[in-house]
Amino acid sequence: MATKRDQMDQETISCSICLDLLKDPVTIPCGHSYCMDCIKTHWDGEDQKGIYSCPQCRKTFIPRPVLEKSTILAALVEQLKKTGLQAAPADHCYAGPEDVACDVCSGRKLKAIKSCLFCLASYCEKHLQPHYESPAFKKHQLVEPSKNLQQNICSRHDEVMKMFCRTDQKCICLVCVMDEHKGHDTVSAAAERTERQRELEVSRQEIQQRIQDREKDVKLLQQEVEAINHSADTTVEDSEKIFTQLIRLIQKRSSDVKQQIRSQQETEVRRVKELQEKLEQEITELKRRDAELKQLSHTEDHTQFLHNYPSLSALSESTHSSSINIRPLTHFEDVTAAVSELRDKLQDILTDRWTNISLAVTDPDVLLSQPEPKSRAGFLRCSCEITLDPNTANTLLLLSEENRKVTFVKHQSYSYHPDRFTDCHQVLSRDSLTGRCYWEVEVRGNVSVAVAYKNISRAGDGNECGFGHNDKSWSLYFYQNRLIFYYNKISTSISGPRSSRVGVYLDHRAGILSFYSVSETRTLLHRVQTTFTQPLYAGLGIGPGSSAELCKVK
């Protein structure tokens, strides 16, 4: 137990701001002492006012006093530290600038532990005891220490505001009820608090429920993040293996081609050199023979000439053709052409498949998707310019208006193309549709407005080609006065207003496809919720005497 003198020494060398032993103690002009950093920080907050006060006695100073370290207090602090003395216990803490001070304490005030809404005063533990012990204070309401007790006093009548005016939505005193709030809907502040408390509890329950929901969402999103990271890491690893295998296969084929070329090169060169050696031997023999004949031709003795002529004049027949046909320098160019053709085909395959790969990378499944627009402005933000691909158009369809309008005609002299619909009177868009897209079509006559995968069949007139008659396309048919939706040979009759203009909304990622009747108002005709596994293309099917045009949405 500390002695009374120890407690006195402890109070002397404690800072009333941080309530700890003084650090670099300084004494200001009024005689009170503080840690140098504590009083500097306190006065820094008063720089704008230009008036500096003592946190204990509230005496003010102008200008800001110069602080000098108190060597005597510093020595005393060091001496007391050696005795193991600590700062004042928590129950004897003095009030700092940010604390609520006891209104009863004189001199250096202690921290208040409660405020009384009836007394409109705050009390430390010692001065609060009468509220616990005396029956006279039994009805007083104690709350946590508050600096805002004066807000409970009516500024007009200097009375405690115990009433609430529902008409003006403000707290008032009893005099106000009989004065400017006379005739208003007034209740006690306690009654209004009870009502508001019920509303508050309802709001809290809603908030807590929303917190729980959001925490579940956050947990799901965290799981989704982990799943995405795991999937991405696994896919990168698998993709690297696959591409490595593909590169090795190409390198192996490159090595095989190189080896075959070198082997054939060696064989051909050896064959040519063998022939070359034989020809050179023949040339040598012919030169020798020519020399003998030359020598014979210079023989002056006629008898000797005639005697040797028979053995020299007979020339043996050559074992080789008299001329060598050299081919143009195209010995291995056929190989180059074949490799080039392979490269072109591989590029076409990679280009065709890259769209699917890119889509799979850029449009992964997510938990949260954007809602379908509700207003025309919202749809316009998703609008896209669509043009039709002439290479897909059936020969009875005529494209015009910058490939945005299609009309049924007798015949068009289109060149052959593998993407062309041979029998179904249909056409697809040039570019694929991903993400969120919106477009509008003006229809005249019997028309189908569709979306389809690129790998929908093009040859024949069976179900595998017709929009909506397979699992690769979805189509809304305008047939006479009927509206029919088709998918995978299943038809759904649509009831609703028929307009000459239909709007199509696609959210590829969310798997939403919606058809709207567009006039002065927008009416939903049919909505599909599914999972799209490939990029989609806009499609139009045109019956005899009919036409359709992709509108410029404004």
Protein backbone atom coordinates (compact mmCIF):
# COMPACT_ATOMS: atom_id res chain seq x y z
CA MET A 1 0.00 0.00 0.00
CA ALA A 2 1.28 3.43 -0.88
CA THR A 3 1.53 5.93 2.00
CA LYS A 4 -0.33 9.22 1.99
CA ARG A 5 2.93 10.99 1.18
CA ASP A 6 3.52 8.63 -1.74
CA GLN A 7 0.06 9.46 -3.06
CA MET A 8 0.79 13.17 -2.70
CA ASP A 9 4.14 12.78 -4.51
CA GLN A 10 2.39 10.74 -7.14
CA GLU A 11 -0.18 13.47 -7.79
CA THR A 12 2.61 16.05 -7.92
CA ILE A 13 4.56 14.28 -10.64
CA SER A 14 1.55 13.01 -12.71
CA CYS A 15 0.39 14.73 -15.91
CA SER A 16 -3.31 15.61 -15.75
CA ILE A 17 -3.59 15.20 -19.52
CA CYS A 18 -2.18 11.69 -20.07
CA LEU A 19 -2.60 10.70 -16.36
CA ASP A 20 0.85 9.10 -16.42
CA LEU A 21 4.15 10.05 -14.80
CA LEU A 22 5.55 13.25 -16.26
CA LYS A 23 7.79 12.86 -19.29
CA ASP A 24 10.11 15.83 -19.98
CA PRO A 25 8.16 17.84 -17.35
CA VAL A 26 7.49 21.54 -17.99
CA THR A 27 5.80 24.09 -15.70
CA ILE A 28 3.61 26.76 -17.31
CA PRO A 29 3.15 30.33 -15.90
CA CYS A 30 0.15 29.38 -13.70
CA GLY A 31 2.31 26.83 -11.85
CA HIS A 32 0.78 23.59 -13.19
CA SER A 33 3.09 20.98 -14.72
CA TYR A 34 2.62 18.71 -17.74
CA CYS A 35 4.51 16.41 -20.09
CA MET A 36 6.08 18.64 -22.73
CA ASP A 37 4.45 16.70 -25.60
CA CYS A 38 1.03 16.71 -23.87
CA ILE A 39 0.85 20.49 -23.34
CA LYS A 40 2.29 21.15 -26.82
CA THR A 41 -0.42 19.00 -28.39
CA HIS A 42 -3.08 20.74 -26.29
CA TRP A 43 -1.89 24.20 -27.28
CA ASP A 44 -1.49 23.18 -30.95
CA GLY A 45 -5.25 22.67 -30.93
CA GLU A 46 -5.73 26.25 -29.70
CA ASP A 47 -3.45 27.88 -32.30
CA GLN A 48 -6.40 29.08 -34.39
CA LYS A 49 -7.92 30.95 -31.42
CA GLY A 50 -4.57 32.48 -30.46
CA ILE A 51 -5.46 32.08 -26.76
CA TYR A 52 -3.73 29.33 -24.78
CA SER A 53 -5.22 27.89 -21.58
CA CYS A 54 -4.22 25.64 -18.68
CA PRO A 55 -6.17 22.36 -18.83
CA GLN A 56 -6.56 22.40 -15.03
CA CYS A 57 -7.26 25.99 -13.88
CA ARG A 58 -8.34 27.29 -17.32
CA LYS A 59 -6.14 30.37 -16.96
CA THR A 60 -5.35 31.83 -20.39
CA PHE A 61 -2.08 33.15 -21.83
CA ILE A 62 -1.26 35.48 -24.71
CA PRO A 63 1.09 34.91 -26.48
CA ARG A 64 1.88 31.19 -26.29
CA PRO A 65 4.31 30.64 -23.40
CA VAL A 66 7.78 29.32 -24.13
CA LEU A 67 8.25 25.88 -22.56
CA GLU A 68 11.37 25.04 -20.60
CA LYS A 69 12.09 21.64 -19.08
CA SER A 70 11.79 21.52 -15.29
CA THR A 71 15.00 19.86 -14.08
CA ILE A 72 13.76 19.59 -10.48
CA LEU A 73 10.59 17.75 -11.48
CA ALA A 74 12.55 15.58 -13.91
CA ALA A 75 14.89 14.54 -11.12
CA LEU A 76 11.93 13.85 -8.81
CA VAL A 77 10.27 11.67 -11.47
CA GLU A 78 13.45 9.66 -11.94
CA GLN A 79 13.80 9.21 -8.19
CA LEU A 80 10.19 8.05 -7.80
CA LYS A 81 10.53 5.71 -10.79
CA LYS A 82 13.32 3.93 -8.95
CA THR A 83 10.95 3.25 -6.04
CA GLY A 84 8.54 1.49 -8.45
CA LEU A 85 5.86 4.18 -8.10
CA GLN A 86 3.30 4.18 -10.91
CA ALA A 87 0.63 6.56 -12.09
CA ALA A 88 -2.58 7.14 -10.15
CA PRO A 89 -4.99 4.16 -10.02
CA ALA A 90 -7.79 4.20 -12.56
CA ASP A 91 -10.44 4.96 -9.92
CA HIS A 92 -8.63 8.19 -9.04
CA CYS A 93 -8.01 9.35 -12.62
CA TYR A 94 -8.35 13.04 -13.18
CA ALA A 95 -10.40 14.45 -16.03
CA GLY A 96 -8.47 15.36 -19.14
CA PRO A 97 -9.51 17.74 -21.92
CA GLU A 98 -11.45 14.99 -23.73
CA ASP A 99 -13.11 13.60 -20.59
CA VAL A 100 -16.36 14.55 -18.86
CA ALA A 101 -15.35 16.19 -15.56
CA CYS A 102 -17.25 15.87 -12.27
CA ASP A 103 -19.39 19.00 -11.75
CA VAL A 104 -19.04 18.76 -7.91
CA CYS A 105 -15.25 18.38 -7.58
CA SER A 106 -13.42 21.57 -6.67
CA GLY A 107 -9.89 22.29 -7.84
CA ARG A 108 -8.53 19.47 -9.93
CA LYS A 109 -11.60 17.57 -11.12
CA LEU A 110 -11.92 13.80 -11.40
CA LYS A 111 -13.47 11.95 -14.34
CA ALA A 112 -17.23 11.60 -14.19
CA ILE A 113 -18.53 8.03 -14.30
CA LYS A 114 -22.24 8.93 -14.69
CA SER A 115 -24.43 11.84 -15.77
CA CYS A 116 -27.89 12.51 -14.27
CA LEU A 117 -30.61 13.56 -16.70
CA PHE A 118 -32.68 14.96 -13.82
CA CYS A 119 -29.90 16.99 -12.18
CA LEU A 120 -28.28 17.76 -15.56
CA ALA A 121 -24.92 17.22 -13.91
CA SER A 122 -22.09 14.69 -14.07
CA TYR A 123 -20.50 12.99 -11.07
CA CYS A 124 -17.33 11.12 -10.15
CA GLU A 125 -17.65 7.92 -8.11
CA LYS A 126 -17.37 9.76 -4.77
CA HIS A 127 -20.00 12.42 -5.55
CA LEU A 128 -22.30 9.91 -7.20
CA GLN A 129 -22.81 7.96 -3.98
CA PRO A 130 -25.85 10.04 -2.81
CA HIS A 131 -27.72 8.97 -5.96
CA TYR A 132 -27.26 5.36 -4.88
CA GLU A 133 -27.83 5.85 -1.14
CA SER A 134 -30.51 8.57 -0.74
CA PRO A 135 -34.18 7.82 -1.56
CA ALA A 136 -34.49 11.41 -2.79
CA PHE A 137 -32.45 10.49 -5.92
CA LYS A 138 -34.19 7.17 -6.53
CA LYS A 139 -36.17 8.46 -9.56
CA HIS A 140 -33.21 10.20 -11.14
CA GLN A 141 -32.05 8.68 -14.42
CA LEU A 142 -28.33 7.97 -14.65
CA VAL A 143 -26.62 7.59 -18.03
CA GLU A 144 -23.08 7.32 -19.33
CA PRO A 145 -21.07 10.54 -18.88
CA SER A 146 -22.24 13.15 -21.41
CA LYS A 147 -20.99 16.59 -22.36
CA ASN A 148 -24.31 17.40 -24.01
CA LEU A 149 -26.53 17.72 -20.96
CA GLN A 150 -27.24 21.37 -21.72
CA GLN A 151 -28.96 20.27 -24.91
CA ASN A 152 -31.76 18.96 -22.67
CA ILE A 153 -32.52 22.55 -21.51
CA CYS A 154 -35.03 24.63 -23.44
CA SER A 155 -33.15 27.68 -24.68
CA ARG A 156 -36.35 29.73 -24.61
CA HIS A 157 -37.67 28.91 -21.12
CA ASP A 158 -34.59 27.43 -19.40
CA GLU A 159 -36.62 24.34 -18.47
CA VAL A 160 -35.82 20.65 -18.92
CA MET A 161 -37.34 19.40 -22.19
CA LYS A 162 -39.47 16.44 -21.15
CA MET A 163 -42.06 16.67 -23.95
CA PHE A 164 -41.98 15.99 -27.70
CA CYS A 165 -44.00 17.84 -30.33
CA ARG A 166 -44.95 15.43 -33.11
CA THR A 167 -46.31 18.30 -35.20
CA ASP A 168 -42.92 20.05 -35.33
CA GLN A 169 -40.85 16.93 -34.65
CA LYS A 170 -38.78 18.47 -31.83
CA CYS A 171 -38.23 18.19 -28.08
CA ILE A 172 -39.91 20.90 -25.96
CA CYS A 173 -40.46 21.81 -22.32
CA LEU A 174 -43.77 21.97 -20.44
CA VAL A 175 -43.96 25.73 -20.89
CA CYS A 176 -43.62 25.27 -24.66
CA VAL A 177 -46.68 22.99 -24.58
CA MET A 178 -48.77 25.85 -23.20
CA ASP A 179 -47.07 28.47 -25.36
CA GLU A 180 -46.07 28.28 -29.04
CA HIS A 181 -46.87 24.55 -29.31
CA LYS A 182 -50.38 24.91 -27.91
CA GLY A 183 -52.81 22.74 -29.87
CA HIS A 184 -50.00 20.63 -31.38
CA ASP A 185 -49.81 16.85 -31.09
CA THR A 186 -47.54 16.55 -28.04
CA VAL A 187 -46.53 13.54 -25.94
CA SER A 188 -43.97 12.92 -23.25
CA ALA A 189 -40.41 12.41 -24.46
CA ALA A 190 -40.53 8.99 -22.79
CA ALA A 191 -43.64 7.97 -24.76
CA GLU A 192 -42.12 9.18 -28.04
CA ARG A 193 -38.91 7.37 -27.17
CA THR A 194 -40.87 4.16 -26.61
CA GLU A 195 -42.51 4.54 -30.04
CA ARG A 196 -39.27 5.38 -31.75
CA GLN A 197 -37.55 2.58 -29.85
CA ARG A 198 -39.96 0.07 -31.40
CA GLU A 199 -39.24 1.50 -34.85
CA LEU A 200 -35.54 1.41 -34.07
CA GLU A 201 -35.74 -2.24 -33.06
CA VAL A 202 -37.56 -3.07 -36.30
CA SER A 203 -34.88 -1.19 -38.24
CA ARG A 204 -32.16 -2.97 -36.31
CA GLN A 205 -33.72 -6.32 -37.06
CA GLU A 206 -33.86 -5.43 -40.75
CA ILE A 207 -30.25 -4.23 -40.63
CA GLN A 208 -29.11 -7.34 -38.76
CA GLN A 209 -30.92 -9.53 -41.27
CA ARG A 210 -29.30 -7.61 -44.10
CA ILE A 211 -25.93 -7.95 -42.38
CA GLN A 212 -26.43 -11.71 -42.17
CA ASP A 213 -27.45 -11.81 -45.82
CA ARG A 214 -24.48 -9.71 -46.86
CA GLU A 215 -22.12 -11.80 -44.72
CA LYS A 216 -23.42 -14.88 -46.51
CA ASP A 217 -22.88 -13.08 -49.83
CA VAL A 218 -19.36 -12.09 -48.76
CA LYS A 219 -18.66 -15.69 -47.77
CA LEU A 220 -19.99 -16.91 -51.11
CA LEU A 221 -17.87 -14.32 -52.93
CA GLN A 222 -14.82 -15.36 -50.95
CA GLN A 223 -15.49 -18.95 -51.91
CA GLU A 224 -15.94 -17.78 -55.50
CA VAL A 225 -12.58 -15.96 -55.35
CA GLU A 226 -10.92 -19.13 -54.09
CA ALA A 227 -12.68 -21.18 -56.76
CA ILE A 228 -11.69 -18.70 -59.49
CA ASN A 229 -8.06 -18.70 -58.33
CA HIS A 230 -7.97 -22.48 -58.14
CA SER A 231 -9.67 -22.85 -61.52
CA ALA A 232 -7.39 -20.25 -63.12
CA ASP A 233 -4.23 -21.87 -61.70
CA THR A 234 -5.36 -25.33 -62.81
CA THR A 235 -6.39 -24.07 -66.25
CA VAL A 236 -3.10 -22.22 -66.76
CA GLU A 237 -1.20 -25.36 -65.81
CA ASP A 238 -3.34 -27.57 -68.06
CA SER A 239 -3.19 -25.05 -70.94
CA GLU A 240 0.60 -24.87 -70.68
CA LYS A 241 0.79 -28.67 -70.81
CA ILE A 242 -1.54 -28.80 -73.85
CA PHE A 243 0.31 -26.03 -75.70
CA THR A 244 3.63 -27.66 -74.79
CA GLN A 245 2.36 -30.93 -76.25
CA LEU A 246 1.16 -29.06 -79.33
CA ILE A 247 4.52 -27.31 -79.71
CA ARG A 248 6.36 -30.60 -79.27
CA LEU A 249 4.11 -32.22 -81.87
CA ILE A 250 4.81 -29.40 -84.32
CA GLN A 251 8.53 -29.59 -83.53
CA LYS A 252 8.42 -33.37 -84.05
CA ARG A 253 6.66 -32.93 -87.39
CA SER A 254 9.16 -30.20 -88.32
CA SER A 255 12.03 -32.54 -87.42
CA ASP A 256 10.45 -35.39 -89.44
CA VAL A 257 10.01 -33.15 -92.49
CA LYS A 258 13.57 -31.88 -92.15
CA GLN A 259 14.89 -35.44 -91.80
CA GLN A 260 12.92 -36.65 -94.83
CA ILE A 261 14.11 -33.69 -96.91
CA ARG A 262 17.74 -34.28 -95.91
CA SER A 263 17.45 -38.01 -96.59
CA GLN A 264 15.90 -37.40 -100.01
CA GLN A 265 18.48 -34.70 -100.65
CA GLU A 266 21.29 -37.17 -99.88
CA THR A 267 19.75 -39.84 -102.13
CA GLU A 268 19.19 -37.46 -105.03
CA VAL A 269 22.63 -35.87 -104.75
CA ARG A 270 24.28 -39.33 -104.59
CA ARG A 271 22.35 -40.45 -107.71
CA VAL A 272 23.29 -37.31 -109.60
CA LYS A 273 26.95 -37.56 -108.58
CA GLU A 274 27.10 -41.20 -109.65
CA LEU A 275 25.76 -40.20 -113.05
CA GLN A 276 28.17 -37.28 -113.09
CA GLU A 277 31.13 -39.61 -112.42
CA LYS A 278 30.09 -41.96 -115.21
CA LEU A 279 29.75 -39.05 -117.61
CA GLU A 280 33.14 -37.73 -116.60
CA GLN A 281 34.65 -41.19 -117.19
CA GLU A 282 33.00 -41.27 -120.59
CA ILE A 283 34.36 -37.81 -121.36
CA THR A 284 37.87 -38.97 -120.43
CA GLU A 285 37.51 -42.03 -122.66
CA LEU A 286 36.17 -39.91 -125.52
CA LYS A 287 39.04 -37.47 -125.18
CA ARG A 288 41.49 -40.38 -125.31
CA ARG A 289 39.73 -41.73 -128.40
CA ASP A 290 39.75 -38.31 -130.03
CA ALA A 291 43.50 -38.05 -129.45
CA GLU A 292 44.05 -41.42 -131.12
CA LEU A 293 41.93 -40.41 -134.08
CA LYS A 294 43.75 -37.15 -134.32
CA GLN A 295 47.06 -38.95 -134.31
CA LEU A 296 45.76 -41.35 -137.01
CA SER A 297 44.56 -38.44 -139.11
CA HIS A 298 48.10 -37.08 -139.14
CA THR A 299 49.66 -40.38 -140.30
CA GLU A 300 51.41 -39.73 -143.65
CA ASP A 301 51.84 -43.40 -144.55
CA HIS A 302 48.68 -44.33 -146.43
CA THR A 303 49.15 -48.02 -145.90
CA GLN A 304 49.68 -47.58 -142.17
CA PHE A 305 46.60 -45.30 -142.00
CA LEU A 306 44.38 -47.86 -143.68
CA HIS A 307 45.82 -50.64 -141.54
CA ASN A 308 44.96 -48.86 -138.23
CA TYR A 309 41.71 -47.20 -139.27
CA PRO A 310 39.32 -50.15 -138.74
CA SER A 311 40.31 -50.55 -135.08
CA LEU A 312 40.00 -46.83 -134.28
CA SER A 313 37.08 -45.64 -136.35
CA ALA A 314 34.41 -47.77 -134.67
CA LEU A 315 32.99 -45.73 -131.76
CA SER A 316 31.24 -47.67 -129.03
CA GLU A 317 27.66 -46.56 -128.23
CA SER A 318 27.19 -44.32 -125.16
CA THR A 319 25.50 -45.87 -122.16
CA HIS A 320 23.69 -42.58 -121.39
CA SER A 321 21.30 -40.35 -123.21
CA SER A 322 22.87 -37.79 -125.44
CA SER A 323 21.22 -34.99 -123.35
CA ILE A 324 20.37 -34.58 -119.64
CA ASN A 325 16.99 -32.96 -118.92
CA ILE A 326 17.45 -30.67 -115.90
CA ARG A 327 14.16 -29.86 -114.12
CA PRO A 328 13.54 -26.28 -113.03
CA LEU A 329 14.69 -25.54 -109.47
CA THR A 330 11.54 -26.87 -107.81
CA HIS A 331 12.95 -30.02 -106.26
CA PHE A 332 11.37 -29.52 -102.77
CA GLU A 333 8.99 -26.61 -103.41
CA ASP A 334 6.03 -29.01 -103.20
CA VAL A 335 7.01 -29.68 -99.60
CA THR A 336 7.04 -25.94 -98.89
CA ALA A 337 3.59 -25.60 -100.43
CA ALA A 338 2.26 -28.49 -98.35
CA VAL A 339 3.72 -27.03 -95.14
CA SER A 340 2.29 -23.61 -96.03
CA GLU A 341 -1.12 -25.16 -96.58
CA LEU A 342 -0.85 -26.88 -93.19
CA ARG A 343 0.09 -23.53 -91.60
CA ASP A 344 -2.91 -21.79 -93.17
CA LYS A 345 -5.29 -24.51 -92.01
CA LEU A 346 -3.82 -24.39 -88.51
CA GLN A 347 -4.19 -20.61 -88.45
CA ASP A 348 -7.83 -20.93 -89.52
CA ILE A 349 -8.49 -23.48 -86.78
CA LEU A 350 -6.75 -21.37 -84.13
CA THR A 351 -8.60 -18.24 -85.25
CA ASP A 352 -11.93 -20.05 -85.22
CA ARG A 353 -11.33 -21.67 -81.82
CA TRP A 354 -9.72 -18.57 -80.30
CA THR A 355 -13.09 -16.83 -80.10
CA ASN A 356 -14.40 -19.59 -77.85
CA ILE A 357 -11.23 -19.59 -75.75
CA SER A 358 -11.28 -15.80 -75.40
CA LEU A 359 -14.97 -15.83 -74.48
CA ALA A 360 -14.39 -18.53 -71.87
CA VAL A 361 -11.58 -16.44 -70.36
CA THR A 362 -13.27 -13.03 -70.44
CA ASP A 363 -16.75 -14.20 -69.42
CA PRO A 364 -16.31 -16.55 -66.44
CA ASP A 365 -19.35 -17.35 -64.31
CA VAL A 366 -19.89 -14.87 -61.49
CA LEU A 367 -22.36 -14.76 -58.63
CA LEU A 368 -23.52 -11.21 -59.22
CA SER A 369 -24.87 -10.13 -62.62
CA GLN A 370 -26.29 -6.85 -63.83
CA PRO A 371 -30.09 -6.70 -63.86
CA GLU A 372 -31.98 -6.49 -67.14
CA PRO A 373 -32.66 -2.84 -68.08
CA LYS A 374 -36.07 -1.42 -67.22
CA SER A 375 -36.06 1.76 -69.31
CA ARG A 376 -35.34 2.52 -72.95
CA ALA A 377 -32.27 4.49 -71.88
CA GLY A 378 -31.00 1.36 -70.14
CA PHE A 379 -31.50 -0.74 -73.27
CA LEU A 380 -29.82 1.91 -75.41
CA ARG A 381 -26.70 1.65 -73.28
CA CYS A 382 -26.53 -2.02 -74.34
CA SER A 383 -27.36 -1.42 -78.01
CA CYS A 384 -25.00 -2.76 -80.68
CA GLU A 385 -24.62 -2.28 -84.43
CA ILE A 386 -25.29 -5.57 -86.24
CA THR A 387 -24.59 -6.29 -89.90
CA LEU A 388 -25.46 -9.46 -91.79
CA ASP A 389 -22.88 -11.79 -93.32
CA PRO A 390 -23.47 -12.25 -97.10
CA ASN A 391 -21.50 -15.52 -96.99
CA THR A 392 -24.26 -17.08 -94.85
CA ALA A 393 -27.27 -15.80 -96.83
CA ASN A 394 -29.43 -18.31 -98.70
CA THR A 395 -29.52 -17.73 -102.47
CA LEU A 396 -33.18 -16.57 -102.27
CA LEU A 397 -32.29 -13.72 -99.92
CA LEU A 398 -31.16 -10.27 -101.04
CA LEU A 399 -29.09 -8.13 -98.67
CA SER A 400 -29.19 -4.33 -98.91
CA GLU A 401 -28.94 -1.18 -96.79
CA GLU A 402 -25.31 -1.86 -95.84
CA ASN A 403 -26.13 -5.52 -95.17
CA ARG A 404 -28.78 -4.60 -92.59
CA LYS A 405 -31.91 -5.40 -94.61
CA VAL A 406 -32.84 -8.80 -96.06
CA THR A 407 -35.63 -9.51 -98.57
CA PHE A 408 -36.99 -12.73 -100.07
CA VAL A 409 -36.39 -12.69 -103.87
CA LYS A 410 -36.30 -15.22 -106.72
CA HIS A 411 -32.60 -16.00 -106.84
CA GLN A 412 -29.21 -14.44 -106.22
CA SER A 413 -26.00 -15.50 -107.91
CA TYR A 414 -23.95 -16.01 -104.79
CA SER A 415 -20.67 -17.90 -105.04
CA TYR A 416 -20.23 -21.11 -103.10
CA HIS A 417 -19.28 -20.72 -99.48
CA PRO A 418 -19.27 -23.41 -96.75
CA ASP A 419 -21.08 -21.05 -94.34
CA ARG A 420 -24.04 -20.48 -96.66
CA PHE A 421 -27.49 -21.89 -95.79
CA THR A 422 -28.25 -24.09 -98.77
CA ASP A 423 -32.00 -24.66 -98.31
CA CYS A 424 -33.24 -22.77 -95.24
CA HIS A 425 -34.05 -19.14 -96.09
CA GLN A 426 -31.81 -17.77 -93.36
CA VAL A 427 -28.86 -15.47 -92.73
CA LEU A 428 -26.55 -14.83 -89.73
CA SER A 429 -24.77 -11.73 -88.47
CA ARG A 430 -21.14 -11.09 -89.37
CA ASP A 431 -19.89 -10.69 -85.78
CA SER A 432 -20.52 -12.77 -82.68
CA LEU A 433 -22.49 -11.44 -79.71
CA THR A 434 -21.06 -11.63 -76.21
CA GLY A 435 -21.69 -9.74 -73.00
CA ARG A 436 -24.85 -7.59 -72.90
CA CYS A 437 -26.39 -6.68 -76.29
CA TYR A 438 -29.63 -5.11 -77.49
CA TRP A 439 -30.92 -4.70 -81.05
CA GLU A 440 -34.23 -4.11 -82.80
CA VAL A 441 -35.66 -5.65 -85.97
CA GLU A 442 -38.42 -4.25 -88.21
CA VAL A 443 -40.35 -7.25 -89.59
CA ARG A 444 -42.71 -7.46 -92.56
CA GLY A 445 -44.55 -10.70 -93.26
CA ASN A 446 -43.47 -14.12 -92.04
CA VAL A 447 -40.12 -13.65 -90.31
CA SER A 448 -38.15 -15.43 -87.60
CA VAL A 449 -35.88 -13.39 -85.31
CA ALA A 450 -33.24 -15.66 -83.84
CA VAL A 451 -29.85 -16.20 -82.22
CA ALA A 452 -27.70 -19.21 -83.04
CA TYR A 453 -24.31 -20.80 -82.48
CA LYS A 454 -21.86 -20.62 -85.36
CA ASN A 455 -21.75 -24.41 -85.68
CA ILE A 456 -25.43 -24.69 -86.63
CA SER A 457 -25.71 -26.88 -89.74
CA ARG A 458 -25.89 -25.04 -93.08
CA ALA A 459 -26.65 -27.84 -95.56
CA GLY A 460 -30.18 -29.22 -96.04
CA ASP A 461 -33.56 -28.09 -94.86
CA GLY A 462 -33.99 -30.37 -91.85
CA ASN A 463 -34.29 -29.56 -88.17
CA GLU A 464 -30.51 -29.33 -87.78
CA CYS A 465 -30.53 -26.14 -89.91
CA GLY A 466 -33.79 -24.34 -89.11
CA PHE A 467 -33.73 -21.68 -86.42
CA GLY A 468 -35.31 -22.97 -83.20
CA HIS A 469 -35.58 -26.56 -84.39
CA ASN A 470 -32.37 -27.70 -82.70
CA ASP A 471 -30.34 -27.09 -79.53
CA LYS A 472 -28.08 -24.60 -81.32
CA SER A 473 -30.60 -21.81 -81.91
CA TRP A 474 -33.49 -19.89 -80.31
CA SER A 475 -36.12 -18.19 -82.47
CA LEU A 476 -39.27 -16.08 -82.25
CA TYR A 477 -41.48 -16.70 -85.33
CA PHE A 478 -43.84 -14.05 -86.72
CA TYR A 479 -46.18 -16.26 -88.70
CA GLN A 480 -49.35 -14.67 -90.11
CA ASN A 481 -51.03 -13.28 -86.97
CA ARG A 482 -49.35 -15.64 -84.55
CA LEU A 483 -46.22 -15.40 -82.40
CA ILE A 484 -44.43 -18.69 -81.66
CA PHE A 485 -41.16 -19.25 -79.81
CA TYR A 486 -39.09 -22.27 -80.85
CA TYR A 487 -36.17 -24.02 -79.21
CA ASN A 488 -34.97 -27.56 -79.86
CA LYS A 489 -38.19 -28.42 -81.79
CA ILE A 490 -40.39 -27.32 -78.86
CA SER A 491 -42.87 -24.55 -79.69
CA THR A 492 -44.43 -22.06 -77.26
CA SER A 493 -47.34 -19.87 -78.35
CA ILE A 494 -46.88 -16.24 -77.31
CA SER A 495 -49.77 -14.00 -76.35
CA GLY A 496 -49.20 -10.30 -76.39
CA PRO A 497 -49.34 -7.20 -78.55
CA ARG A 498 -47.84 -7.71 -81.98
CA SER A 499 -45.78 -4.81 -83.26
CA SER A 500 -43.84 -4.59 -86.50
CA ARG A 501 -40.73 -3.94 -84.43
CA VAL A 502 -39.21 -6.47 -82.03
CA GLY A 503 -36.45 -5.75 -79.55
CA VAL A 504 -33.96 -8.46 -78.56
CA TYR A 505 -31.96 -8.31 -75.32
CA LEU A 506 -29.10 -10.75 -74.74
CA ASP A 507 -26.99 -11.14 -71.59
CA HIS A 508 -24.65 -13.91 -72.67
CA ARG A 509 -22.94 -14.25 -69.30
CA ALA A 510 -26.19 -14.41 -67.32
CA GLY A 511 -27.82 -16.70 -69.92
CA ILE A 512 -30.76 -14.33 -70.52
CA LEU A 513 -32.49 -13.88 -73.89
CA SER A 514 -35.58 -11.63 -74.01
CA PHE A 515 -37.89 -10.59 -76.85
CA TYR A 516 -39.92 -7.37 -76.62
CA SER A 517 -42.72 -5.85 -78.65
CA VAL A 518 -41.58 -2.28 -79.32
CA SER A 519 -44.01 0.53 -80.05
CA GLU A 520 -44.75 3.56 -77.91
CA THR A 521 -44.33 1.19 -75.00
CA ARG A 522 -42.15 -1.87 -74.52
CA THR A 523 -43.87 -5.19 -73.73
CA LEU A 524 -42.04 -8.39 -72.83
CA LEU A 525 -43.09 -11.21 -75.16
CA HIS A 526 -40.84 -14.04 -73.99
CA ARG A 527 -37.76 -14.53 -71.83
CA VAL A 528 -35.31 -17.44 -71.81
CA GLN A 529 -33.02 -18.29 -68.89
CA THR A 530 -30.36 -20.81 -69.85
CA THR A 531 -26.60 -21.29 -70.14
CA PHE A 532 -24.91 -20.29 -73.39
CA THR A 533 -21.81 -22.37 -74.09
CA GLN A 534 -20.63 -20.63 -77.28
CA PRO A 535 -20.69 -17.16 -78.82
CA LEU A 536 -24.04 -16.34 -80.39
CA TYR A 537 -24.89 -14.77 -83.75
CA ALA A 538 -28.03 -12.81 -84.62
CA GLY A 539 -30.14 -14.59 -87.21
CA LEU A 540 -33.06 -13.80 -89.51
CA GLY A 541 -35.31 -16.27 -91.33
CA ILE A 542 -37.40 -14.83 -94.20
CA GLY A 543 -40.53 -16.34 -95.73
CA PRO A 544 -41.74 -15.72 -99.32
CA GLY A 545 -42.82 -12.10 -99.89
CA SER A 546 -41.34 -11.05 -96.54
CA SER A 547 -38.44 -8.88 -95.35
CA ALA A 548 -36.69 -7.75 -92.17
CA GLU A 549 -34.34 -4.90 -91.33
CA LEU A 550 -31.92 -4.40 -88.43
CA CYS A 551 -32.82 -0.95 -87.09
CA LYS A 552 -30.43 1.75 -85.97
CA VAL A 553 -31.47 2.09 -82.35
CA LYS A 554 -31.72 5.68 -81.09
